[in-house]
Amino acid sequence: MREIELINIEFYQEPKGGIMVQLQDRELFLLEESRREFIVPMKQMIQNDYPDAWRACEDWNKPYRHNILKYDFLNVRRFCKCNFPKFDGILDIDAAGCMHFEFTDCPMRGECKYENLLCSPVFSHTLTKSDVQLLKLIAAEQLTAEEIALQLGRSVSTINNRRKVLQKKTSCNTISKLVAYCYTHRLIE
């Protein structure tokens, strides 16, 4: 399975409630359970960068947790429905892999227990286990994006986007500063 690069994407909700995914200058598709090449990297992105929102999605869809493929699909779709409902001409995931949320005029505003957890989620600056793993591969092993992608079974663009997110989380705007961050925070010796 070749992952879809999570850059330059516009989402919108169709009249029947499905989520359309427009890959800029590429294909347009309905988000379905079978689209694992999109669901897997999107799931990881949400889990790493918006963990509270991911937990809210999991709680929302907990009756389906026994079927992992359906569960992952429903969680990603819920996140997209609550944050990217409109076709507005502004990329929801930009060229750097950063998400831009839209205000959702939801009829549950003021009543939803997931309000401000799931919709308009807060970016987490906390490093996850996979963030630390990637930092170690970059800093200690000094692997290239291509080598890391091969080792982790991810696409090169996913690794490059994750590196940019790590730079945002750590406030390090260069690879050398990421390496220094790893030593300072004793992530590597």
Protein backbone atom coordinates (compact mmCIF):
# COMPACT_ATOMS: atom_id res chain seq x y z
CA MET A 1 0.00 0.00 0.00
CA ARG A 2 1.45 3.35 -1.05
CA GLU A 3 0.38 6.09 1.33
CA ILE A 4 -1.21 9.26 0.07
CA GLU A 5 0.94 12.30 0.71
CA LEU A 6 -0.86 14.48 3.27
CA ILE A 7 -0.28 17.84 1.61
CA ASN A 8 -2.43 20.17 -0.49
CA ILE A 9 -5.76 18.62 0.50
CA GLU A 10 -9.26 20.10 0.58
CA PHE A 11 -12.04 18.21 2.36
CA TYR A 12 -15.75 18.84 2.21
CA GLN A 13 -18.93 17.15 3.28
CA GLU A 14 -21.25 16.01 0.52
CA PRO A 15 -25.07 16.36 0.91
CA LYS A 16 -25.45 12.71 1.99
CA GLY A 17 -22.91 13.22 4.82
CA GLY A 18 -19.87 11.58 3.23
CA ILE A 19 -16.49 13.28 3.20
CA MET A 20 -14.93 14.12 -0.14
CA VAL A 21 -11.13 14.34 -0.31
CA GLN A 22 -9.69 16.56 -3.04
CA LEU A 23 -5.98 16.06 -3.57
CA GLN A 24 -4.93 19.30 -5.26
CA ASP A 25 -4.18 18.71 -8.94
CA ARG A 26 -4.76 15.03 -8.30
CA GLU A 27 -7.74 12.81 -7.66
CA LEU A 28 -11.02 13.49 -5.87
CA PHE A 29 -12.51 10.61 -3.90
CA LEU A 30 -15.14 9.76 -1.32
CA LEU A 31 -13.55 8.76 1.98
CA GLU A 32 -14.43 5.10 2.39
CA GLU A 33 -13.26 2.31 4.68
CA SER A 34 -11.24 0.77 1.84
CA ARG A 35 -9.05 3.89 1.39
CA ARG A 36 -6.34 2.65 3.77
CA GLU A 37 -3.63 4.53 1.82
CA PHE A 38 -5.27 7.72 3.14
CA ILE A 39 -6.72 6.56 6.47
CA VAL A 40 -3.45 5.17 7.90
CA PRO A 41 -1.30 8.32 7.52
CA MET A 42 -4.24 10.59 8.47
CA LYS A 43 -4.85 8.55 11.62
CA GLN A 44 -1.19 8.85 12.59
CA MET A 45 -1.18 12.58 11.94
CA ILE A 46 -4.25 13.14 14.13
CA GLN A 47 -2.97 10.86 16.90
CA ASN A 48 0.42 12.61 16.98
CA ASP A 49 -0.67 16.22 16.63
CA TYR A 50 -4.21 16.28 18.06
CA PRO A 51 -4.31 13.40 20.58
CA ASP A 52 -7.26 14.80 22.56
CA ALA A 53 -9.31 15.00 19.37
CA TRP A 54 -8.33 11.44 18.46
CA ARG A 55 -9.44 10.18 21.89
CA ALA A 56 -12.76 12.00 21.42
CA CYS A 57 -13.19 10.28 18.03
CA GLU A 58 -12.44 6.92 19.65
CA ASP A 59 -15.01 7.58 22.35
CA TRP A 60 -17.60 8.68 19.77
CA ASN A 61 -17.10 5.47 17.77
CA LYS A 62 -16.38 3.03 20.62
CA PRO A 63 -19.18 0.59 19.60
CA TYR A 64 -17.06 -0.20 16.50
CA ARG A 65 -13.68 -0.73 18.19
CA HIS A 66 -13.87 -4.52 17.63
CA ASN A 67 -13.56 -3.92 13.85
CA ILE A 68 -10.30 -1.96 13.54
CA LEU A 69 -10.66 -1.12 9.85
CA LYS A 70 -14.14 0.34 10.30
CA TYR A 71 -13.11 1.99 13.59
CA ASP A 72 -10.12 3.78 12.02
CA PHE A 73 -12.27 4.89 9.08
CA LEU A 74 -15.05 6.21 11.34
CA ASN A 75 -12.56 8.07 13.54
CA VAL A 76 -10.83 9.77 10.60
CA ARG A 77 -14.19 10.60 9.01
CA ARG A 78 -15.51 12.07 12.30
CA PHE A 79 -12.42 14.26 12.64
CA CYS A 80 -12.87 15.52 9.06
CA LYS A 81 -16.63 16.10 9.48
CA CYS A 82 -16.08 18.17 12.61
CA ASN A 83 -13.23 20.26 11.22
CA PHE A 84 -13.42 20.44 7.42
CA PRO A 85 -17.08 20.51 6.32
CA LYS A 86 -16.90 23.19 3.61
CA PHE A 87 -15.41 23.51 0.17
CA ASP A 88 -13.98 26.97 0.66
CA GLY A 89 -10.96 27.19 -1.62
CA ILE A 90 -8.55 27.29 1.35
CA LEU A 91 -6.52 24.10 1.66
CA ASP A 92 -7.39 22.18 4.81
CA ILE A 93 -3.94 20.59 4.80
CA ASP A 94 -1.40 22.90 3.18
CA ALA A 95 1.85 22.25 1.31
CA ALA A 96 3.76 21.98 4.62
CA GLY A 97 1.31 19.40 6.01
CA CYS A 98 -0.29 21.84 8.47
CA MET A 99 -4.03 21.63 9.12
CA HIS A 100 -6.31 24.67 8.82
CA PHE A 101 -9.61 24.11 10.58
CA GLU A 102 -12.94 25.59 9.52
CA PHE A 103 -15.68 26.78 11.83
CA THR A 104 -18.40 24.18 11.76
CA ASP A 105 -21.94 25.46 12.12
CA CYS A 106 -22.95 22.36 14.06
CA PRO A 107 -26.46 22.00 15.50
CA MET A 108 -24.85 20.44 18.60
CA ARG A 109 -22.90 23.61 19.55
CA GLY A 110 -23.25 24.22 23.26
CA GLU A 111 -24.51 20.67 23.89
CA CYS A 112 -21.84 18.37 22.47
CA LYS A 113 -19.53 16.82 25.07
CA TYR A 114 -16.74 16.86 22.44
CA GLU A 115 -17.01 20.58 21.67
CA ASN A 116 -13.55 22.18 21.53
CA LEU A 117 -11.97 18.72 21.85
CA LEU A 118 -12.99 17.29 18.52
CA CYS A 119 -13.89 20.48 16.68
CA SER A 120 -11.17 23.14 16.49
CA PRO A 121 -8.71 20.89 18.35
CA VAL A 122 -5.57 22.17 20.01
CA PHE A 123 -2.20 21.22 18.51
CA SER A 124 -0.14 19.15 20.94
CA HIS A 125 3.46 20.17 21.47
CA THR A 126 4.06 16.97 23.43
CA LEU A 127 6.31 14.50 21.68
CA THR A 128 4.77 11.09 21.08
CA LYS A 129 6.66 7.78 21.03
CA SER A 130 6.73 7.88 17.23
CA ASP A 131 8.02 11.49 17.35
CA VAL A 132 10.88 10.42 19.64
CA GLN A 133 11.59 7.41 17.42
CA LEU A 134 11.82 9.69 14.38
CA LEU A 135 14.01 12.19 16.25
CA LYS A 136 16.41 9.39 17.17
CA LEU A 137 16.61 8.20 13.57
CA ILE A 138 17.33 11.75 12.40
CA ALA A 139 19.73 12.75 15.17
CA ALA A 140 21.47 9.63 16.48
CA GLU A 141 21.52 7.46 13.38
CA GLN A 142 21.68 10.43 10.96
CA LEU A 143 19.46 8.67 8.44
CA THR A 144 18.07 10.43 5.40
CA ALA A 145 14.32 10.77 4.84
CA GLU A 146 14.56 7.99 2.24
CA GLU A 147 16.32 5.63 4.67
CA ILE A 148 13.84 6.39 7.44
CA ALA A 149 10.88 5.89 5.11
CA LEU A 150 12.23 2.51 4.07
CA GLN A 151 12.91 1.46 7.66
CA LEU A 152 9.47 2.56 8.95
CA GLY A 153 7.47 1.55 5.88
CA ARG A 154 6.25 5.12 5.31
CA SER A 155 6.49 7.44 2.33
CA VAL A 156 9.35 9.93 2.03
CA SER A 157 6.87 12.81 1.96
CA THR A 158 5.27 11.54 5.20
CA ILE A 159 8.70 11.47 6.86
CA ASN A 160 9.50 14.99 5.60
CA ASN A 161 6.12 16.29 6.82
CA ARG A 162 6.62 14.64 10.22
CA ARG A 163 10.06 16.25 10.43
CA LYS A 164 8.45 19.66 9.84
CA VAL A 165 5.92 18.93 12.58
CA LEU A 166 8.77 17.93 14.91
CA GLN A 167 10.45 21.23 14.16
CA LYS A 168 7.21 22.99 15.10
CA LYS A 169 6.76 20.93 18.30
CA THR A 170 10.35 21.52 19.42
CA SER A 171 10.71 25.10 18.10
CA CYS A 172 13.78 23.94 16.16
CA ASN A 173 13.86 25.37 12.65
CA THR A 174 16.84 23.33 11.41
CA ILE A 175 18.02 19.73 11.55
CA SER A 176 21.10 20.76 13.54
CA LYS A 177 18.82 22.35 16.17
CA LEU A 178 16.78 19.12 16.27
CA VAL A 179 19.99 17.20 16.96
CA ALA A 180 20.92 19.65 19.73
CA TYR A 181 17.38 19.32 21.14
CA CYS A 182 17.81 15.54 21.33
CA TYR A 183 21.05 15.86 23.30
CA THR A 184 19.71 18.61 25.56
CA HIS A 185 16.61 16.59 26.42
CA ARG A 186 18.59 13.36 26.76
CA LEU A 187 16.70 11.61 23.99
CA ILE A 188 20.07 10.35 22.77
CA GLU A 189 23.42 10.03 24.49
